[in-house]
Amino acid sequence: MWGRFRAYNLTTRGRLEQRWSGTGGDAGWRYRQFLRLAVPLGAHAPALVVSEESFINLNATDWGVRSGLDQQRGMIGLAIPLNEAASIEAGYQVQYVNAHPRDRLNHILPITLALSF
């Protein structure tokens, strides 16, 4: 049963960021959680890629950051292998930004060159 899942590539990454602004004295802390699944569509063929990243502000600051959900990014696309060490990833990304006074929804067409060393 597990053999059919062997080719799938699941990646996750957590990141803790400390941020400052010249307009205030507080340090802002933000946690980012990234999750990515790549599913090969065949031997030497592109892979379907789906990813999601959440940005969570851990504290409020005197320069305007509010605690809680900051933004979310969701992406779907294809990873196209160029050779053993390089691939191009392209697709559609939607970015939700929890902004004051009005939230934003950005539509992005990302193209990424990935190199393995």
PDB file of N, CA and C in Angstrom:
ATOM      1  N   MET A   1       0.800  -1.191   0.000  1.00  0.00           N
ATOM      2  CA  MET A   1       0.000   0.000   0.000  1.00  0.00           C
ATOM      3  C   MET A   1       0.853   1.269   0.000  1.00  0.00           C
ATOM      4  N   TRP A   2       1.898   1.311   0.840  1.00  0.00           N
ATOM      5  CA  TRP A   2       2.710   2.518   0.951  1.00  0.00           C
ATOM      6  C   TRP A   2       3.559   2.764  -0.279  1.00  0.00           C
ATOM      7  N   GLY A   3       3.770   1.767  -1.119  1.00  0.00           N
ATOM      8  CA  GLY A   3       4.583   1.927  -2.313  1.00  0.00           C
ATOM      9  C   GLY A   3       4.044   2.974  -3.259  1.00  0.00           C
ATOM     10  N   ARG A   4       2.740   3.084  -3.365  1.00  0.00           N
ATOM     11  CA  ARG A   4       2.191   4.058  -4.306  1.00  0.00           C
ATOM     12  C   ARG A   4       2.350   5.496  -3.815  1.00  0.00           C
ATOM     13  N   PHE A   5       2.659   5.725  -2.548  1.00  0.00           N
ATOM     14  CA  PHE A   5       2.883   7.058  -2.021  1.00  0.00           C
ATOM     15  C   PHE A   5       4.362   7.447  -2.034  1.00  0.00           C
ATOM     16  N   ARG A   6       5.232   6.516  -2.382  1.00  0.00           N
ATOM     17  CA  ARG A   6       6.672   6.740  -2.297  1.00  0.00           C
ATOM     18  C   ARG A   6       7.147   7.905  -3.180  1.00  0.00           C
ATOM     19  N   ALA A   7       6.535   8.101  -4.318  1.00  0.00           N
ATOM     20  CA  ALA A   7       6.988   9.132  -5.243  1.00  0.00           C
ATOM     21  C   ALA A   7       6.515  10.529  -4.836  1.00  0.00           C
ATOM     22  N   TYR A   8       5.541  10.629  -3.949  1.00  0.00           N
ATOM     23  CA  TYR A   8       5.039  11.930  -3.525  1.00  0.00           C
ATOM     24  C   TYR A   8       6.089  12.614  -2.662  1.00  0.00           C
ATOM     25  N   ASN A   9       6.167  13.918  -2.765  1.00  0.00           N
ATOM     26  CA  ASN A   9       7.145  14.669  -1.990  1.00  0.00           C
ATOM     27  C   ASN A   9       6.408  15.671  -1.111  1.00  0.00           C
ATOM     28  N   LEU A  10       6.397  15.435   0.190  1.00  0.00           N
ATOM     29  CA  LEU A  10       5.755  16.330   1.151  1.00  0.00           C
ATOM     30  C   LEU A  10       6.843  17.120   1.878  1.00  0.00           C
ATOM     31  N   THR A  11       6.713  18.441   1.844  1.00  0.00           N
ATOM     32  CA  THR A  11       7.677  19.318   2.489  1.00  0.00           C
ATOM     33  C   THR A  11       6.942  20.207   3.479  1.00  0.00           C
ATOM     34  N   THR A  12       7.532  20.378   4.648  1.00  0.00           N
ATOM     35  CA  THR A  12       6.963  21.310   5.634  1.00  0.00           C
ATOM     36  C   THR A  12       8.111  22.093   6.257  1.00  0.00           C
ATOM     37  N   ARG A  13       7.808  23.339   6.615  1.00  0.00           N
ATOM     38  CA  ARG A  13       8.829  24.189   7.213  1.00  0.00           C
ATOM     39  C   ARG A  13       8.154  25.161   8.161  1.00  0.00           C
ATOM     40  N   GLY A  14       8.692  25.303   9.345  1.00  0.00           N
ATOM     41  CA  GLY A  14       8.246  26.318  10.291  1.00  0.00           C
ATOM     42  C   GLY A  14       9.326  27.372  10.417  1.00  0.00           C
ATOM     43  N   ARG A  15       8.917  28.619  10.559  1.00  0.00           N
ATOM     44  CA  ARG A  15       9.894  29.705  10.645  1.00  0.00           C
ATOM     45  C   ARG A  15       9.410  30.717  11.669  1.00  0.00           C
ATOM     46  N   LEU A  16      10.291  31.129  12.555  1.00  0.00           N
ATOM     47  CA  LEU A  16      10.001  32.170  13.539  1.00  0.00           C
ATOM     48  C   LEU A  16      10.787  33.407  13.132  1.00  0.00           C
ATOM     49  N   GLU A  17      10.073  34.536  12.975  1.00  0.00           N
ATOM     50  CA  GLU A  17      10.712  35.771  12.531  1.00  0.00           C
ATOM     51  C   GLU A  17      10.584  36.849  13.604  1.00  0.00           C
ATOM     52  N   GLN A  18      11.639  37.629  13.757  1.00  0.00           N
ATOM     53  CA  GLN A  18      11.609  38.800  14.613  1.00  0.00           C
ATOM     54  C   GLN A  18      11.748  40.008  13.697  1.00  0.00           C
ATOM     55  N   ARG A  19      10.814  40.973  13.807  1.00  0.00           N
ATOM     56  CA  ARG A  19      10.790  42.108  12.886  1.00  0.00           C
ATOM     57  C   ARG A  19      10.744  43.424  13.651  1.00  0.00           C
ATOM     58  N   TRP A  20      11.376  44.470  13.065  1.00  0.00           N
ATOM     59  CA  TRP A  20      11.382  45.809  13.640  1.00  0.00           C
ATOM     60  C   TRP A  20      10.956  46.814  12.585  1.00  0.00           C
ATOM     61  N   SER A  21      10.573  48.012  13.046  1.00  0.00           N
ATOM     62  CA  SER A  21      10.274  49.122  12.153  1.00  0.00           C
ATOM     63  C   SER A  21      10.835  50.390  12.773  1.00  0.00           C
ATOM     64  N   GLY A  22      11.258  51.294  11.922  1.00  0.00           N
ATOM     65  CA  GLY A  22      11.803  52.564  12.410  1.00  0.00           C
ATOM     66  C   GLY A  22      10.742  53.477  13.012  1.00  0.00           C
ATOM     67  N   THR A  23       9.467  53.110  12.861  1.00  0.00           N
ATOM     68  CA  THR A  23       8.385  53.954  13.390  1.00  0.00           C
ATOM     69  C   THR A  23       7.939  53.550  14.788  1.00  0.00           C
ATOM     70  N   GLY A  24       8.592  52.584  15.392  1.00  0.00           N
ATOM     71  CA  GLY A  24       8.221  52.147  16.736  1.00  0.00           C
ATOM     72  C   GLY A  24       9.377  51.440  17.408  1.00  0.00           C
ATOM     73  N   GLY A  25       9.214  51.149  18.679  1.00  0.00           N
ATOM     74  CA  GLY A  25      10.282  50.514  19.439  1.00  0.00           C
ATOM     75  C   GLY A  25      10.086  49.036  19.695  1.00  0.00           C
ATOM     76  N   ASP A  26       8.892  48.529  19.437  1.00  0.00           N
ATOM     77  CA  ASP A  26       8.606  47.118  19.728  1.00  0.00           C
ATOM     78  C   ASP A  26       9.178  46.193  18.658  1.00  0.00           C
ATOM     79  N   ALA A  27       9.534  44.997  19.087  1.00  0.00           N
ATOM     80  CA  ALA A  27       9.897  43.934  18.152  1.00  0.00           C
ATOM     81  C   ALA A  27       8.644  43.099  17.888  1.00  0.00           C
ATOM     82  N   GLY A  28       8.386  42.832  16.631  1.00  0.00           N
ATOM     83  CA  GLY A  28       7.253  41.995  16.269  1.00  0.00           C
ATOM     84  C   GLY A  28       7.714  40.564  16.040  1.00  0.00           C
ATOM     85  N   TRP A  29       6.955  39.618  16.551  1.00  0.00           N
ATOM     86  CA  TRP A  29       7.263  38.199  16.377  1.00  0.00           C
ATOM     87  C   TRP A  29       6.190  37.572  15.497  1.00  0.00           C
ATOM     88  N   ARG A  30       6.629  36.841  14.467  1.00  0.00           N
ATOM     89  CA  ARG A  30       5.697  36.200  13.542  1.00  0.00           C
ATOM     90  C   ARG A  30       6.149  34.764  13.296  1.00  0.00           C
ATOM     91  N   TYR A  31       5.178  33.850  13.296  1.00  0.00           N
ATOM     92  CA  TYR A  31       5.441  32.449  12.983  1.00  0.00           C
ATOM     93  C   TYR A  31       4.870  32.156  11.605  1.00  0.00           C
ATOM     94  N   ARG A  32       5.639  31.446  10.782  1.00  0.00           N
ATOM     95  CA  ARG A  32       5.197  31.048   9.450  1.00  0.00           C
ATOM     96  C   ARG A  32       5.248  29.528   9.353  1.00  0.00           C
ATOM     97  N   GLN A  33       4.171  28.929   8.865  1.00  0.00           N
ATOM     98  CA  GLN A  33       4.136  27.480   8.656  1.00  0.00           C
ATOM     99  C   GLN A  33       3.861  27.218   7.179  1.00  0.00           C
ATOM    100  N   PHE A  34       4.761  26.465   6.536  1.00  0.00           N
ATOM    101  CA  PHE A  34       4.682  26.166   5.112  1.00  0.00           C
ATOM    102  C   PHE A  34       4.469  24.677   4.920  1.00  0.00           C
ATOM    103  N   LEU A  35       3.589  24.321   3.997  1.00  0.00           N
ATOM    104  CA  LEU A  35       3.302  22.924   3.664  1.00  0.00           C
ATOM    105  C   LEU A  35       3.201  22.825   2.148  1.00  0.00           C
ATOM    106  N   ARG A  36       3.914  21.843   1.547  1.00  0.00           N
ATOM    107  CA  ARG A  36       3.950  21.683   0.087  1.00  0.00           C
ATOM    108  C   ARG A  36       3.900  20.207  -0.270  1.00  0.00           C
ATOM    109  N   LEU A  37       3.047  19.872  -1.236  1.00  0.00           N
ATOM    110  CA  LEU A  37       2.936  18.507  -1.738  1.00  0.00           C
ATOM    111  C   LEU A  37       3.187  18.526  -3.236  1.00  0.00           C
ATOM    112  N   ALA A  38       4.124  17.691  -3.699  1.00  0.00           N
ATOM    113  CA  ALA A  38       4.412  17.527  -5.124  1.00  0.00           C
ATOM    114  C   ALA A  38       4.066  16.098  -5.509  1.00  0.00           C
ATOM    115  N   VAL A  39       3.235  15.956  -6.548  1.00  0.00           N
ATOM    116  CA  VAL A  39       2.787  14.653  -7.020  1.00  0.00           C
ATOM    117  C   VAL A  39       3.242  14.492  -8.465  1.00  0.00           C
ATOM    118  N   PRO A  40       4.191  13.577  -8.738  1.00  0.00           N
ATOM    119  CA  PRO A  40       4.647  13.372 -10.107  1.00  0.00           C
ATOM    120  C   PRO A  40       3.503  12.888 -11.006  1.00  0.00           C
ATOM    121  N   LEU A  41       3.451  13.442 -12.208  1.00  0.00           N
ATOM    122  CA  LEU A  41       2.418  13.053 -13.160  1.00  0.00           C
ATOM    123  C   LEU A  41       2.897  11.950 -14.102  1.00  0.00           C
ATOM    124  N   GLY A  42       4.137  11.531 -13.959  1.00  0.00           N
ATOM    125  CA  GLY A  42       4.706  10.449 -14.753  1.00  0.00           C
ATOM    126  C   GLY A  42       6.215  10.532 -14.697  1.00  0.00           C
ATOM    127  N   ALA A  43       6.877   9.491 -15.242  1.00  0.00           N
ATOM    128  CA  ALA A  43       8.344   9.479 -15.270  1.00  0.00           C
ATOM    129  C   ALA A  43       8.835  10.588 -16.193  1.00  0.00           C
ATOM    130  N   HIS A  44       9.768  11.388 -15.726  1.00  0.00           N
ATOM    131  CA  HIS A  44      10.352  12.505 -16.481  1.00  0.00           C
ATOM    132  C   HIS A  44       9.282  13.493 -16.948  1.00  0.00           C
ATOM    133  N   ALA A  45       8.206  13.617 -16.206  1.00  0.00           N
ATOM    134  CA  ALA A  45       7.112  14.530 -16.534  1.00  0.00           C
ATOM    135  C   ALA A  45       6.980  15.573 -15.429  1.00  0.00           C
ATOM    136  N   PRO A  46       6.228  16.616 -15.666  1.00  0.00           N
ATOM    137  CA  PRO A  46       6.003  17.610 -14.596  1.00  0.00           C
ATOM    138  C   PRO A  46       5.325  16.983 -13.385  1.00  0.00           C
ATOM    139  N   ALA A  47       5.425  17.673 -12.270  1.00  0.00           N
ATOM    140  CA  ALA A  47       4.744  17.265 -11.044  1.00  0.00           C
ATOM    141  C   ALA A  47       3.701  18.326 -10.704  1.00  0.00           C
ATOM    142  N   LEU A  48       2.565  17.887 -10.231  1.00  0.00           N
ATOM    143  CA  LEU A  48       1.549  18.792  -9.713  1.00  0.00           C
ATOM    144  C   LEU A  48       2.006  19.252  -8.335  1.00  0.00           C
ATOM    145  N   VAL A  49       1.975  20.554  -8.096  1.00  0.00           N
ATOM    146  CA  VAL A  49       2.443  21.112  -6.834  1.00  0.00           C
ATOM    147  C   VAL A  49       1.308  21.901  -6.183  1.00  0.00           C
ATOM    148  N   VAL A  50       1.069  21.617  -4.898  1.00  0.00           N
ATOM    149  CA  VAL A  50       0.074  22.342  -4.112  1.00  0.00           C
ATOM    150  C   VAL A  50       0.771  22.773  -2.821  1.00  0.00           C
ATOM    151  N   SER A  51       0.616  24.055  -2.454  1.00  0.00           N
ATOM    152  CA  SER A  51       1.255  24.515  -1.221  1.00  0.00           C
ATOM    153  C   SER A  51       0.366  25.512  -0.495  1.00  0.00           C
ATOM    154  N   GLU A  52       0.646  25.667   0.794  1.00  0.00           N
ATOM    155  CA  GLU A  52      -0.070  26.608   1.649  1.00  0.00           C
ATOM    156  C   GLU A  52       0.910  27.131   2.688  1.00  0.00           C
ATOM    157  N   GLU A  53       0.850  28.438   2.947  1.00  0.00           N
ATOM    158  CA  GLU A  53       1.690  29.025   3.991  1.00  0.00           C
ATOM    159  C   GLU A  53       0.847  30.006   4.795  1.00  0.00           C
ATOM    160  N   SER A  54       0.879  29.853   6.105  1.00  0.00           N
ATOM    161  CA  SER A  54       0.157  30.736   7.030  1.00  0.00           C
ATOM    162  C   SER A  54       1.159  31.579   7.795  1.00  0.00           C
ATOM    163  N   PHE A  55       0.831  32.858   7.989  1.00  0.00           N
ATOM    164  CA  PHE A  55       1.649  33.806   8.726  1.00  0.00           C
ATOM    165  C   PHE A  55       0.840  34.233   9.954  1.00  0.00           C
ATOM    166  N   ILE A  56       1.363  33.998  11.144  1.00  0.00           N
ATOM    167  CA  ILE A  56       0.653  34.320  12.383  1.00  0.00           C
ATOM    168  C   ILE A  56       1.500  35.303  13.197  1.00  0.00           C
ATOM    169  N   ASN A  57       0.944  36.501  13.450  1.00  0.00           N
ATOM    170  CA  ASN A  57       1.624  37.465  14.325  1.00  0.00           C
ATOM    171  C   ASN A  57       1.417  37.028  15.768  1.00  0.00           C
ATOM    172  N   LEU A  58       2.504  36.875  16.493  1.00  0.00           N
ATOM    173  CA  LEU A  58       2.430  36.393  17.874  1.00  0.00           C
ATOM    174  C   LEU A  58       2.219  37.518  18.885  1.00  0.00           C
ATOM    175  N   ASN A  59       2.431  38.764  18.455  1.00  0.00           N
ATOM    176  CA  ASN A  59       2.208  39.890  19.360  1.00  0.00           C
ATOM    177  C   ASN A  59       1.814  41.124  18.558  1.00  0.00           C
ATOM    178  N   ALA A  60       1.233  42.106  19.245  1.00  0.00           N
ATOM    179  CA  ALA A  60       0.933  43.405  18.652  1.00  0.00           C
ATOM    180  C   ALA A  60       2.120  44.327  18.919  1.00  0.00           C
ATOM    181  N   THR A  61       2.331  45.302  18.027  1.00  0.00           N
ATOM    182  CA  THR A  61       3.441  46.243  18.200  1.00  0.00           C
ATOM    183  C   THR A  61       2.935  47.674  18.183  1.00  0.00           C
ATOM    184  N   ASP A  62       3.801  48.595  18.644  1.00  0.00           N
ATOM    185  CA  ASP A  62       3.443  50.017  18.635  1.00  0.00           C
ATOM    186  C   ASP A  62       3.581  50.628  17.238  1.00  0.00           C
ATOM    187  N   TRP A  63       4.048  49.847  16.253  1.00  0.00           N
ATOM    188  CA  TRP A  63       4.140  50.346  14.880  1.00  0.00           C
ATOM    189  C   TRP A  63       3.061  49.752  13.970  1.00  0.00           C
ATOM    190  N   GLY A  64       2.001  49.174  14.582  1.00  0.00           N
ATOM    191  CA  GLY A  64       0.816  48.836  13.809  1.00  0.00           C
ATOM    192  C   GLY A  64       0.516  47.377  13.562  1.00  0.00           C
ATOM    193  N   VAL A  65       1.387  46.479  13.956  1.00  0.00           N
ATOM    194  CA  VAL A  65       1.107  45.050  13.757  1.00  0.00           C
ATOM    195  C   VAL A  65       0.065  44.597  14.770  1.00  0.00           C
ATOM    196  N   ARG A  66      -0.940  43.871  14.286  1.00  0.00           N
ATOM    197  CA  ARG A  66      -1.957  43.287  15.171  1.00  0.00           C
ATOM    198  C   ARG A  66      -1.652  41.805  15.353  1.00  0.00           C
ATOM    199  N   SER A  67      -1.895  41.283  16.539  1.00  0.00           N
ATOM    200  CA  SER A  67      -1.649  39.862  16.777  1.00  0.00           C
ATOM    201  C   SER A  67      -2.720  39.036  16.059  1.00  0.00           C
ATOM    202  N   GLY A  68      -2.367  37.795  15.740  1.00  0.00           N
ATOM    203  CA  GLY A  68      -3.296  36.893  15.067  1.00  0.00           C
ATOM    204  C   GLY A  68      -2.889  36.655  13.619  1.00  0.00           C
ATOM    205  N   LEU A  69      -3.834  36.169  12.836  1.00  0.00           N
ATOM    206  CA  LEU A  69      -3.569  35.839  11.435  1.00  0.00           C
ATOM    207  C   LEU A  69      -3.148  37.080  10.667  1.00  0.00           C
ATOM    208  N   ASP A  70      -1.991  37.006  10.024  1.00  0.00           N
ATOM    209  CA  ASP A  70      -1.482  38.102   9.206  1.00  0.00           C
ATOM    210  C   ASP A  70      -1.840  37.873   7.736  1.00  0.00           C
ATOM    211  N   GLN A  71      -1.498  36.689   7.222  1.00  0.00           N
ATOM    212  CA  GLN A  71      -1.816  36.370   5.837  1.00  0.00           C
ATOM    213  C   GLN A  71      -1.738  34.870   5.590  1.00  0.00           C
ATOM    214  N   GLN A  72      -2.332  34.459   4.470  1.00  0.00           N
ATOM    215  CA  GLN A  72      -2.255  33.076   4.011  1.00  0.00           C
ATOM    216  C   GLN A  72      -1.991  33.092   2.521  1.00  0.00           C
ATOM    217  N   ARG A  73      -1.175  32.152   2.080  1.00  0.00           N
ATOM    218  CA  ARG A  73      -0.861  32.005   0.663  1.00  0.00           C
ATOM    219  C   ARG A  73      -1.133  30.564   0.253  1.00  0.00           C
ATOM    220  N   GLY A  74      -1.915  30.398  -0.786  1.00  0.00           N
ATOM    221  CA  GLY A  74      -2.174  29.072  -1.340  1.00  0.00           C
ATOM    222  C   GLY A  74      -1.753  29.065  -2.797  1.00  0.00           C
ATOM    223  N   MET A  75      -1.130  27.972  -3.241  1.00  0.00           N
ATOM    224  CA  MET A  75      -0.612  27.905  -4.600  1.00  0.00           C
ATOM    225  C   MET A  75      -0.892  26.545  -5.211  1.00  0.00           C
ATOM    226  N   ILE A  76      -1.180  26.523  -6.511  1.00  0.00           N
ATOM    227  CA  ILE A  76      -1.277  25.290  -7.277  1.00  0.00           C
ATOM    228  C   ILE A  76      -0.553  25.528  -8.593  1.00  0.00           C
ATOM    229  N   GLY A  77       0.212  24.533  -9.027  1.00  0.00           N
ATOM    230  CA  GLY A  77       0.974  24.719 -10.259  1.00  0.00           C
ATOM    231  C   GLY A  77       1.676  23.454 -10.682  1.00  0.00           C
ATOM    232  N   LEU A  78       2.640  23.626 -11.568  1.00  0.00           N
ATOM    233  CA  LEU A  78       3.431  22.519 -12.094  1.00  0.00           C
ATOM    234  C   LEU A  78       4.905  22.789 -11.836  1.00  0.00           C
ATOM    235  N   ALA A  79       5.631  21.733 -11.478  1.00  0.00           N
ATOM    236  CA  ALA A  79       7.084  21.771 -11.383  1.00  0.00           C
ATOM    237  C   ALA A  79       7.603  21.004 -12.600  1.00  0.00           C
ATOM    238  N   ILE A  80       8.303  21.703 -13.481  1.00  0.00           N
ATOM    239  CA  ILE A  80       8.768  21.121 -14.742  1.00  0.00           C
ATOM    240  C   ILE A  80      10.274  20.907 -14.644  1.00  0.00           C
ATOM    241  N   PRO A  81      10.722  19.632 -14.687  1.00  0.00           N
ATOM    242  CA  PRO A  81      12.161  19.386 -14.599  1.00  0.00           C
ATOM    243  C   PRO A  81      12.873  19.830 -15.874  1.00  0.00           C
ATOM    244  N   LEU A  82      14.007  20.518 -15.706  1.00  0.00           N
ATOM    245  CA  LEU A  82      14.829  20.928 -16.838  1.00  0.00           C
ATOM    246  C   LEU A  82      15.987  19.959 -17.046  1.00  0.00           C
ATOM    247  N   ASN A  83      16.574  19.516 -15.936  1.00  0.00           N
ATOM    248  CA  ASN A  83      17.648  18.517 -15.931  1.00  0.00           C
ATOM    249  C   ASN A  83      17.720  17.944 -14.513  1.00  0.00           C
ATOM    250  N   GLU A  84      18.799  17.268 -14.194  1.00  0.00           N
ATOM    251  CA  GLU A  84      18.932  16.626 -12.874  1.00  0.00           C
ATOM    252  C   GLU A  84      18.960  17.642 -11.729  1.00  0.00           C
ATOM    253  N   ALA A  85      19.421  18.861 -12.016  1.00  0.00           N
ATOM    254  CA  ALA A  85      19.641  19.824 -10.939  1.00  0.00           C
ATOM    255  C   ALA A  85      18.736  21.048 -10.999  1.00  0.00           C
ATOM    256  N   ALA A  86      17.866  21.152 -11.989  1.00  0.00           N
ATOM    257  CA  ALA A  86      17.077  22.378 -12.121  1.00  0.00           C
ATOM    258  C   ALA A  86      15.646  22.071 -12.547  1.00  0.00           C
ATOM    259  N   SER A  87      14.738  22.908 -12.064  1.00  0.00           N
ATOM    260  CA  SER A  87      13.342  22.812 -12.491  1.00  0.00           C
ATOM    261  C   SER A  87      12.721  24.200 -12.440  1.00  0.00           C
ATOM    262  N   ILE A  88      11.658  24.363 -13.200  1.00  0.00           N
ATOM    263  CA  ILE A  88      10.875  25.589 -13.172  1.00  0.00           C
ATOM    264  C   ILE A  88       9.521  25.249 -12.589  1.00  0.00           C
ATOM    265  N   GLU A  89       9.080  26.083 -11.658  1.00  0.00           N
ATOM    266  CA  GLU A  89       7.775  25.897 -11.038  1.00  0.00           C
ATOM    267  C   GLU A  89       6.921  27.122 -11.376  1.00  0.00           C
ATOM    268  N   ALA A  90       5.737  26.876 -11.930  1.00  0.00           N
ATOM    269  CA  ALA A  90       4.844  27.964 -12.318  1.00  0.00           C
ATOM    270  C   ALA A  90       3.416  27.575 -11.972  1.00  0.00           C
ATOM    271  N   GLY A  91       2.605  28.579 -11.661  1.00  0.00           N
ATOM    272  CA  GLY A  91       1.221  28.275 -11.321  1.00  0.00           C
ATOM    273  C   GLY A  91       0.436  29.505 -10.937  1.00  0.00           C
ATOM    274  N   TYR A  92      -0.544  29.298 -10.083  1.00  0.00           N
ATOM    275  CA  TYR A  92      -1.428  30.352  -9.601  1.00  0.00           C
ATOM    276  C   TYR A  92      -1.351  30.384  -8.081  1.00  0.00           C
ATOM    277  N   GLN A  93      -1.220  31.581  -7.538  1.00  0.00           N
ATOM    278  CA  GLN A  93      -1.181  31.756  -6.087  1.00  0.00           C
ATOM    279  C   GLN A  93      -2.215  32.798  -5.688  1.00  0.00           C
ATOM    280  N   VAL A  94      -2.941  32.503  -4.636  1.00  0.00           N
ATOM    281  CA  VAL A  94      -3.853  33.483  -4.050  1.00  0.00           C
ATOM    282  C   VAL A  94      -3.297  33.832  -2.670  1.00  0.00           C
ATOM    283  N   GLN A  95      -3.267  35.124  -2.373  1.00  0.00           N
ATOM    284  CA  GLN A  95      -2.726  35.609  -1.108  1.00  0.00           C
ATOM    285  C   GLN A  95      -3.808  36.418  -0.402  1.00  0.00           C
ATOM    286  N   TYR A  96      -4.196  35.964   0.769  1.00  0.00           N
ATOM    287  CA  TYR A  96      -5.142  36.686   1.613  1.00  0.00           C
ATOM    288  C   TYR A  96      -4.335  37.467   2.639  1.00  0.00           C
ATOM    289  N   VAL A  97      -4.566  38.772   2.719  1.00  0.00           N
ATOM    290  CA  VAL A  97      -3.870  39.627   3.680  1.00  0.00           C
ATOM    291  C   VAL A  97      -4.901  40.211   4.630  1.00  0.00           C
ATOM    292  N   ASN A  98      -4.734  39.936   5.910  1.00  0.00           N
ATOM    293  CA  ASN A  98      -5.615  40.446   6.956  1.00  0.00           C
ATOM    294  C   ASN A  98      -5.158  41.863   7.295  1.00  0.00           C
ATOM    295  N   ALA A  99      -5.702  42.847   6.581  1.00  0.00           N
ATOM    296  CA  ALA A  99      -5.249  44.229   6.719  1.00  0.00           C
ATOM    297  C   ALA A  99      -6.332  45.098   7.349  1.00  0.00           C
ATOM    298  N   HIS A 100      -5.888  46.212   7.931  1.00  0.00           N
ATOM    299  CA  HIS A 100      -6.828  47.155   8.534  1.00  0.00           C
ATOM    300  C   HIS A 100      -6.813  48.430   7.714  1.00  0.00           C
ATOM    301  N   PRO A 101      -7.866  49.003   7.279  1.00  0.00           N
ATOM    302  CA  PRO A 101      -9.244  48.713   7.656  1.00  0.00           C
ATOM    303  C   PRO A 101      -9.915  47.662   6.764  1.00  0.00           C
ATOM    304  N   ARG A 102      -9.267  47.243   5.664  1.00  0.00           N
ATOM    305  CA  ARG A 102      -9.915  46.310   4.754  1.00  0.00           C
ATOM    306  C   ARG A 102      -8.951  45.207   4.340  1.00  0.00           C
ATOM    307  N   ASP A 103      -9.419  43.957   4.369  1.00  0.00           N
ATOM    308  CA  ASP A 103      -8.608  42.825   3.942  1.00  0.00           C
ATOM    309  C   ASP A 103      -8.344  42.912   2.440  1.00  0.00           C
ATOM    310  N   ARG A 104      -7.264  42.239   2.007  1.00  0.00           N
ATOM    311  CA  ARG A 104      -6.923  42.217   0.583  1.00  0.00           C
ATOM    312  C   ARG A 104      -6.835  40.777   0.097  1.00  0.00           C
ATOM    313  N   LEU A 105      -7.125  40.571  -1.175  1.00  0.00           N
ATOM    314  CA  LEU A 105      -6.968  39.281  -1.832  1.00  0.00           C
ATOM    315  C   LEU A 105      -6.164  39.539  -3.101  1.00  0.00           C
ATOM    316  N   ASN A 106      -4.943  39.015  -3.145  1.00  0.00           N
ATOM    317  CA  ASN A 106      -4.052  39.219  -4.288  1.00  0.00           C
ATOM    318  C   ASN A 106      -3.981  37.947  -5.114  1.00  0.00           C
ATOM    319  N   HIS A 107      -4.011  38.103  -6.431  1.00  0.00           N
ATOM    320  CA  HIS A 107      -3.901  36.981  -7.371  1.00  0.00           C
ATOM    321  C   HIS A 107      -2.544  37.100  -8.050  1.00  0.00           C
ATOM    322  N   ILE A 108      -1.731  36.036  -7.936  1.00  0.00           N
ATOM    323  CA  ILE A 108      -0.326  36.088  -8.345  1.00  0.00           C
ATOM    324  C   ILE A 108      -0.035  34.922  -9.287  1.00  0.00           C
ATOM    325  N   LEU A 109       0.780  35.178 -10.307  1.00  0.00           N
ATOM    326  CA  LEU A 109       1.261  34.125 -11.200  1.00  0.00           C
ATOM    327  C   LEU A 109       2.762  33.951 -10.965  1.00  0.00           C
ATOM    328  N   PRO A 110       3.151  33.106 -10.000  1.00  0.00           N
ATOM    329  CA  PRO A 110       4.569  32.955  -9.672  1.00  0.00           C
ATOM    330  C   PRO A 110       5.289  32.024 -10.660  1.00  0.00           C
ATOM    331  N   ILE A 111       6.520  32.360 -10.970  1.00  0.00           N
ATOM    332  CA  ILE A 111       7.415  31.501 -11.751  1.00  0.00           C
ATOM    333  C   ILE A 111       8.722  31.438 -10.981  1.00  0.00           C
ATOM    334  N   THR A 112       9.142  30.220 -10.633  1.00  0.00           N
ATOM    335  CA  THR A 112      10.324  30.026  -9.792  1.00  0.00           C
ATOM    336  C   THR A 112      11.298  29.081 -10.468  1.00  0.00           C
ATOM    337  N   LEU A 113      12.576  29.419 -10.443  1.00  0.00           N
ATOM    338  CA  LEU A 113      13.638  28.537 -10.903  1.00  0.00           C
ATOM    339  C   LEU A 113      14.264  27.903  -9.677  1.00  0.00           C
ATOM    340  N   ALA A 114      14.211  26.582  -9.581  1.00  0.00           N
ATOM    341  CA  ALA A 114      14.772  25.863  -8.430  1.00  0.00           C
ATOM    342  C   ALA A 114      16.037  25.133  -8.874  1.00  0.00           C
ATOM    343  N   LEU A 115      17.120  25.330  -8.133  1.00  0.00           N
ATOM    344  CA  LEU A 115      18.398  24.690  -8.423  1.00  0.00           C
ATOM    345  C   LEU A 115      18.828  23.831  -7.248  1.00  0.00           C
ATOM    346  N   SER A 116      19.300  22.617  -7.536  1.00  0.00           N
ATOM    347  CA  SER A 116      19.819  21.719  -6.491  1.00  0.00           C
ATOM    348  C   SER A 116      21.333  21.639  -6.638  1.00  0.00           C
ATOM    349  N   PHE A 117      22.021  21.873  -5.518  1.00  0.00           N
ATOM    350  CA  PHE A 117      23.491  21.815  -5.531  1.00  0.00           C
ATOM    351  C   PHE A 117      23.965  20.624  -4.756  1.00  0.00           C
TER     352      PHE A 117
END
